[in-house]
Structures are given as structure tokens and as C-alpha cells.
Amino acid sequence: MKNKIYAAIRVIIILLSVLPLLTSCSGGDAQIKAIRDRSVLRVGVKVDVPRFGYLNPDTAEMEGLEVDLARVIAKDILKDEGAVKFVNINAQTRGPLLDNGEIDIVIATFTITEERKKSFNFSRPYYTDELGYLVRSEASVTRPEELDGKTVGVTQSSTAKTAYEEERKRMGVGADMREYASYPEVKAALLSGEVDAFVTDKSILYGYLDGACALLNEGFNPQHYGIASKLENDKLASHIEALLETMEKNGELAALLAKWEL
């Protein structure tokens, strides 16, 4: 009987020693291991947001704050800042590409909301913005209230649509809204007169500001951008969170913000 008890105890001890390893491999370390095994970090970014994620037509190179953040993460995990595969995403594709494992993380002016936290892991904010209004320079719109009876353009699946609905009701403005697939499409609609204002994050609007347009001073609804990963990839999310914390403390994040004039 004693031998059976001792044998059972030994089995329990072995299981207890192995269990943490099994949990580690299945709980999120597997994602970091997969990144290291393939020797490349796959990052969903935007290509049409100057200063954040932008494919420069003059150099054919990706550039911006979020591109630099991706390279910092790649250097931290893979010891090579160039070991990044950038994948062009938009509001419609970012979630499915994360869910099906085609990309590891999203760094693409992705606003943190309580609802989105139910579907994705988000890091702490690396940038905070607010929604704003881009209008035509020659138009008579100088204040948001003057959009009453006019048309506002937003991108599909963005937080701007819901936020502006609430803001216009607060102001008592009866503006219509039209949705477009991309920022350049909204800007084109603004220039053609199809819409009277382009509403999205101010940092994005700055990239589309030119002599034909003006940015109103007013803003609303703060937007906090975070790095997103799959909900079950806790270890990868924790790794990125710790890295951002370090970058905040050592000034590296502030230096990147200054580099891109943000």
C-alpha cells in the first residue's frame, strides 16, 4: 500500500512540475515562439495615414510612428528591427486578419474601446488624439454647428461614425453621413463637394491638410491608440505592454513622437 501511495505522490509531483510548461506553451508563449520560428513579425498597418503608417510614393518605403513601433517590437523579440512584414489593413480587415492568424499584431490608429476589448488584447495607449473636422477652404463652414443640413464623410467601421452621431445630436445639428472605404476616398469626396466635412482623428486629418482644405479648431471624443493582438495571446500582449512601459520610462516613445511631430 505504501509503495502505491509513494508512486502516486511521485506522479503528482511530476505532473505539477510539467504543468507550468504545458500551460506556457499553450497559453501565449506559443505565439512568441511561432514569431521566432518564422523569424518575422507580421504587423497590420495602414498605408494611407501620413506620420503614422504611410507608404511613401517617393521612396516606396513604409514610414511613420506605427512603422517605427513595429520595428522596435521586432528588434525586441527577434533582435532584428528589419524582421517585419507589413500587411496593409483597414477597418474591415484588421479583425479577421488577426483572428485567422495572418498577422500577429495591429498597429494602425486602432482606437481602444471597452467594446473592442471584448474581442482583442490592447496595450496601453501609445498616442492620444481627438476627432476633428476637415472642410474645404473656400466653404463657409467655420464651426461644427454650421454643418447643419450638410453632409459629413467618415470611414467605414470607424469610431468616428458613432461618435459624430452623438456629437451632432448634442449640438442639435441635422447633418447626414456618408461612409467610405478609405481616407483618400473621403478626402476626394470632400474636394469634389460630395461631402462638406471629413470627420476622423485630428492626427489623421493633419496628413490630408493642404491649401484646398482647413482644419477646424474644435475637436471632440478623445481617441486612445493601442497595439492590438488576439484575445488569447496573453503572453504576447504582456510582452508588448512591458516594452511600451519601458519606452515611456526611458524616453524612447517621446523621441518617436517628436520625430514624427506628434
Protein backbone atom coordinates (compact mmCIF):
# COMPACT_ATOMS: atom_id res chain seq x y z
CA MET A 1 0.00 0.00 0.00
CA LYS A 2 2.80 2.39 0.96
CA ASN A 3 4.55 1.75 -2.35
CA LYS A 4 1.34 2.62 -4.22
CA ILE A 5 0.97 5.82 -2.22
CA TYR A 6 4.61 6.83 -2.88
CA ALA A 7 4.16 6.04 -6.57
CA ALA A 8 1.03 8.20 -6.71
CA ILE A 9 2.82 11.05 -4.98
CA ARG A 10 5.70 10.83 -7.47
CA VAL A 11 3.23 11.02 -10.38
CA ILE A 12 1.58 14.08 -8.84
CA ILE A 13 4.97 15.78 -8.34
CA ILE A 14 5.93 15.09 -11.95
CA LEU A 15 2.60 16.44 -13.23
CA LEU A 16 2.94 19.56 -11.12
CA SER A 17 6.44 20.19 -12.49
CA VAL A 18 5.36 19.67 -16.10
CA LEU A 19 2.07 21.58 -15.91
CA PRO A 20 3.61 25.08 -15.99
CA LEU A 21 5.50 24.16 -19.15
CA LEU A 22 2.36 22.84 -20.82
CA THR A 23 0.41 25.94 -19.80
CA SER A 24 3.16 28.21 -21.06
CA CYS A 25 3.28 26.55 -24.47
CA SER A 26 -0.48 26.65 -24.93
CA GLY A 27 -1.29 29.97 -23.31
CA GLY A 28 0.53 32.50 -25.45
CA ASP A 29 4.23 31.66 -25.40
CA ALA A 30 3.42 29.59 -28.45
CA GLN A 31 2.67 32.78 -30.37
CA ILE A 32 6.03 34.34 -29.46
CA LYS A 33 7.74 31.05 -30.33
CA ALA A 34 5.93 31.00 -33.70
CA ILE A 35 7.21 34.51 -34.44
CA ARG A 36 10.76 33.45 -33.58
CA ASP A 37 10.48 30.22 -35.56
CA ARG A 38 9.44 32.08 -38.73
CA SER A 39 11.94 34.90 -37.98
CA VAL A 40 9.49 37.62 -38.93
CA LEU A 41 6.88 39.72 -37.14
CA ARG A 42 3.72 40.22 -39.21
CA VAL A 43 2.19 43.61 -38.47
CA GLY A 44 -1.07 45.05 -39.75
CA VAL A 45 -0.60 48.72 -40.60
CA LYS A 46 -2.25 51.41 -42.66
CA VAL A 47 -0.51 52.77 -45.74
CA ASP A 48 -2.51 55.99 -46.18
CA VAL A 49 -2.02 57.82 -42.88
CA PRO A 50 0.97 60.19 -43.03
CA ARG A 51 3.11 60.27 -39.88
CA PHE A 52 1.56 57.01 -38.60
CA GLY A 53 1.51 54.33 -41.29
CA TYR A 54 2.34 55.56 -44.77
CA LEU A 55 3.75 54.04 -47.94
CA ASN A 56 5.89 56.89 -49.24
CA PRO A 57 5.43 57.00 -53.03
CA ASP A 58 8.81 58.70 -53.48
CA THR A 59 10.81 56.02 -51.65
CA ALA A 60 8.40 53.04 -51.88
CA GLU A 61 9.17 52.56 -48.16
CA MET A 62 6.87 52.34 -45.16
CA GLU A 63 7.25 55.16 -42.65
CA GLY A 64 5.59 56.69 -39.60
CA LEU A 65 5.27 56.30 -35.84
CA GLU A 66 3.49 52.95 -36.05
CA VAL A 67 6.01 51.60 -38.53
CA ASP A 68 8.81 52.55 -36.13
CA LEU A 69 6.97 50.91 -33.22
CA ALA A 70 6.69 47.69 -35.24
CA ARG A 71 10.44 47.74 -35.83
CA VAL A 72 11.13 48.28 -32.12
CA ILE A 73 8.98 45.25 -31.26
CA ALA A 74 10.70 43.16 -33.94
CA LYS A 75 14.10 44.13 -32.54
CA ASP A 76 12.96 43.20 -29.03
CA ILE A 77 11.55 39.78 -30.00
CA LEU A 78 13.79 38.84 -32.94
CA LYS A 79 16.88 41.02 -32.34
CA ASP A 80 16.38 42.48 -35.82
CA GLU A 81 14.36 45.65 -36.46
CA GLY A 82 14.16 44.76 -40.13
CA ALA A 83 12.42 41.43 -39.48
CA VAL A 84 8.95 42.88 -40.08
CA LYS A 85 6.39 42.02 -42.72
CA PHE A 86 3.99 44.94 -43.10
CA VAL A 87 0.45 43.98 -44.13
CA ASN A 88 -1.86 46.69 -45.45
CA ILE A 89 -5.10 46.65 -43.46
CA ASN A 90 -8.20 48.76 -42.99
CA ALA A 91 -11.07 48.87 -40.52
CA GLN A 92 -12.81 45.96 -42.24
CA THR A 93 -9.82 43.60 -42.50
CA ARG A 94 -7.85 44.16 -39.29
CA GLY A 95 -10.07 41.96 -37.09
CA PRO A 96 -10.38 38.99 -39.48
CA LEU A 97 -6.63 39.00 -40.24
CA LEU A 98 -5.83 38.89 -36.52
CA ASP A 99 -8.43 36.21 -35.85
CA ASN A 100 -7.26 33.88 -38.62
CA GLY A 101 -3.59 34.27 -37.71
CA GLU A 102 -2.40 36.01 -40.87
CA ILE A 103 -0.94 38.83 -38.78
CA ASP A 104 0.47 38.87 -35.25
CA ILE A 105 -0.44 42.40 -34.16
CA VAL A 106 -2.19 45.53 -35.39
CA ILE A 107 -0.60 48.97 -35.05
CA ALA A 108 -2.89 51.12 -37.16
CA THR A 109 -4.53 54.07 -35.36
CA PHE A 110 -6.71 51.42 -33.70
CA THR A 111 -8.80 53.18 -31.06
CA ILE A 112 -9.18 51.39 -27.72
CA THR A 113 -12.82 50.98 -26.65
CA GLU A 114 -14.48 48.86 -23.99
CA GLU A 115 -16.42 47.02 -26.68
CA ARG A 116 -13.27 46.19 -28.67
CA LYS A 117 -11.55 44.92 -25.52
CA LYS A 118 -14.04 42.05 -25.57
CA SER A 119 -12.54 40.87 -28.88
CA PHE A 120 -8.87 41.90 -28.74
CA ASN A 121 -5.96 42.41 -26.38
CA PHE A 122 -4.93 46.08 -26.32
CA SER A 123 -1.74 47.60 -25.00
CA ARG A 124 -1.64 50.84 -23.06
CA PRO A 125 -2.13 53.89 -25.33
CA TYR A 126 0.92 54.99 -27.30
CA TYR A 127 -0.88 58.09 -28.61
CA THR A 128 -3.98 60.07 -27.62
CA ASP A 129 -5.91 62.15 -30.10
CA GLU A 130 -9.42 63.55 -30.64
CA LEU A 131 -11.84 63.66 -33.55
CA GLY A 132 -11.86 66.76 -35.72
CA TYR A 133 -13.27 68.33 -38.87
CA LEU A 134 -11.57 68.92 -42.22
CA VAL A 135 -13.50 71.28 -44.53
CA ARG A 136 -12.90 72.97 -47.88
CA SER A 137 -11.04 76.27 -47.56
CA GLU A 138 -13.48 78.17 -49.76
CA ALA A 139 -16.56 76.81 -47.96
CA SER A 140 -18.49 78.88 -45.46
CA VAL A 141 -18.09 76.29 -42.67
CA THR A 142 -16.02 77.74 -39.83
CA ARG A 143 -17.68 75.99 -36.87
CA PRO A 144 -19.13 72.48 -36.43
CA GLU A 145 -22.60 73.95 -35.85
CA GLU A 146 -22.58 75.25 -39.43
CA LEU A 147 -22.71 71.67 -40.74
CA ASP A 148 -26.46 71.67 -40.02
CA GLY A 149 -28.22 70.38 -43.14
CA LYS A 150 -24.91 69.39 -44.76
CA THR A 151 -23.13 66.05 -45.31
CA VAL A 152 -20.22 64.61 -43.34
CA GLY A 153 -17.89 61.87 -44.62
CA VAL A 154 -16.42 59.13 -42.40
CA THR A 155 -14.64 55.82 -42.99
CA GLN A 156 -16.43 52.52 -42.62
CA SER A 157 -16.25 50.69 -39.26
CA SER A 158 -14.55 53.64 -37.57
CA THR A 159 -15.41 55.09 -34.17
CA ALA A 160 -16.00 58.44 -35.91
CA LYS A 161 -19.45 57.48 -37.16
CA THR A 162 -20.95 56.67 -33.75
CA ALA A 163 -19.09 59.47 -32.01
CA TYR A 164 -20.22 62.09 -34.52
CA GLU A 165 -23.82 60.87 -34.30
CA GLU A 166 -23.71 61.62 -30.59
CA GLU A 167 -21.87 64.92 -31.06
CA ARG A 168 -24.25 66.28 -33.71
CA LYS A 169 -27.24 65.40 -31.51
CA ARG A 170 -25.59 67.23 -28.62
CA MET A 171 -25.12 70.29 -30.86
CA GLY A 172 -28.58 69.99 -32.40
CA VAL A 173 -27.09 69.61 -35.88
CA GLY A 174 -29.00 67.68 -38.57
CA ALA A 175 -26.09 66.59 -40.74
CA ASP A 176 -26.21 63.49 -42.94
CA MET A 177 -23.33 60.99 -43.06
CA ARG A 178 -21.71 59.02 -45.86
CA GLU A 179 -19.26 56.17 -45.34
CA TYR A 180 -16.22 55.43 -47.48
CA ALA A 181 -13.73 52.57 -47.56
CA SER A 182 -10.58 54.67 -47.07
CA TYR A 183 -9.30 58.09 -46.00
CA PRO A 184 -8.24 59.11 -49.54
CA GLU A 185 -11.79 58.40 -50.72
CA VAL A 186 -13.27 60.68 -48.07
CA LYS A 187 -10.74 63.40 -48.96
CA ALA A 188 -11.66 63.07 -52.66
CA ALA A 189 -15.35 63.33 -51.76
CA LEU A 190 -14.61 66.46 -49.74
CA LEU A 191 -12.73 68.12 -52.61
CA SER A 192 -15.45 67.24 -55.12
CA GLY A 193 -18.17 68.67 -52.89
CA GLU A 194 -19.83 65.31 -52.32
CA VAL A 195 -19.40 65.88 -48.57
CA ASP A 196 -18.95 69.13 -46.66
CA ALA A 197 -16.65 67.83 -43.93
CA PHE A 198 -14.28 64.94 -43.33
CA VAL A 199 -14.53 63.72 -39.72
CA THR A 200 -11.89 61.49 -38.18
CA ASP A 201 -8.93 61.68 -35.79
CA LYS A 202 -7.16 65.04 -35.96
CA SER A 203 -3.75 63.39 -36.33
CA ILE A 204 -5.03 61.65 -39.47
CA LEU A 205 -6.62 64.84 -40.81
CA TYR A 206 -3.29 66.68 -40.49
CA GLY A 207 -1.90 64.29 -43.08
CA TYR A 208 -4.61 65.37 -45.55
CA LEU A 209 -4.35 69.08 -44.83
CA ASP A 210 -3.37 71.19 -47.86
CA GLY A 211 -4.17 74.53 -49.46
CA ALA A 212 -7.61 73.35 -50.53
CA CYS A 213 -8.68 72.38 -47.01
CA ALA A 214 -8.81 73.77 -43.49
CA LEU A 215 -8.91 72.06 -40.12
CA LEU A 216 -11.42 73.46 -37.65
CA ASN A 217 -10.11 74.24 -34.17
CA GLU A 218 -12.89 72.32 -32.43
CA GLY A 219 -12.46 68.68 -31.53
CA PHE A 220 -14.37 66.03 -29.59
CA ASN A 221 -14.26 62.44 -28.28
CA PRO A 222 -10.66 61.60 -27.23
CA GLN A 223 -9.15 58.64 -29.12
CA HIS A 224 -6.54 56.39 -27.46
CA TYR A 225 -4.49 54.25 -29.87
CA GLY A 226 -3.29 50.84 -28.71
CA ILE A 227 -1.41 47.86 -30.16
CA ALA A 228 -3.87 45.00 -30.66
CA SER A 229 -3.31 41.25 -30.61
CA LYS A 230 -5.58 38.20 -30.43
CA LEU A 231 -7.52 37.96 -27.20
CA GLU A 232 -5.98 34.61 -26.25
CA ASN A 233 -2.39 35.73 -26.88
CA ASP A 234 -1.86 37.00 -23.33
CA LYS A 235 1.90 36.43 -23.26
CA LEU A 236 2.47 38.38 -26.49
CA ALA A 237 0.23 41.19 -25.22
CA SER A 238 2.11 41.26 -21.88
CA HIS A 239 5.43 41.33 -23.72
CA ILE A 240 4.36 44.34 -25.78
CA GLU A 241 2.85 46.08 -22.75
CA ALA A 242 6.13 45.74 -20.84
CA LEU A 243 8.08 47.06 -23.82
CA LEU A 244 5.84 50.14 -24.14
CA GLU A 245 6.19 50.79 -20.41
CA THR A 246 9.96 50.72 -20.78
CA MET A 247 9.80 53.03 -23.81
CA GLU A 248 7.72 55.51 -21.81
CA LYS A 249 10.17 55.49 -18.91
CA ASN A 250 13.37 55.74 -20.95
CA GLY A 251 12.07 58.45 -23.30
CA GLU A 252 12.15 56.32 -26.45
CA LEU A 253 8.42 56.75 -27.09
CA ALA A 254 8.63 60.51 -26.58
CA ALA A 255 11.54 60.63 -29.05
CA LEU A 256 9.48 58.81 -31.69
CA LEU A 257 6.55 61.17 -31.16
CA ALA A 258 8.89 64.13 -31.58
CA LYS A 259 10.44 62.55 -34.70
CA TRP A 260 7.02 62.46 -36.38
CA GLU A 261 5.92 65.82 -34.92
CA LEU A 262 3.06 64.29 -32.96
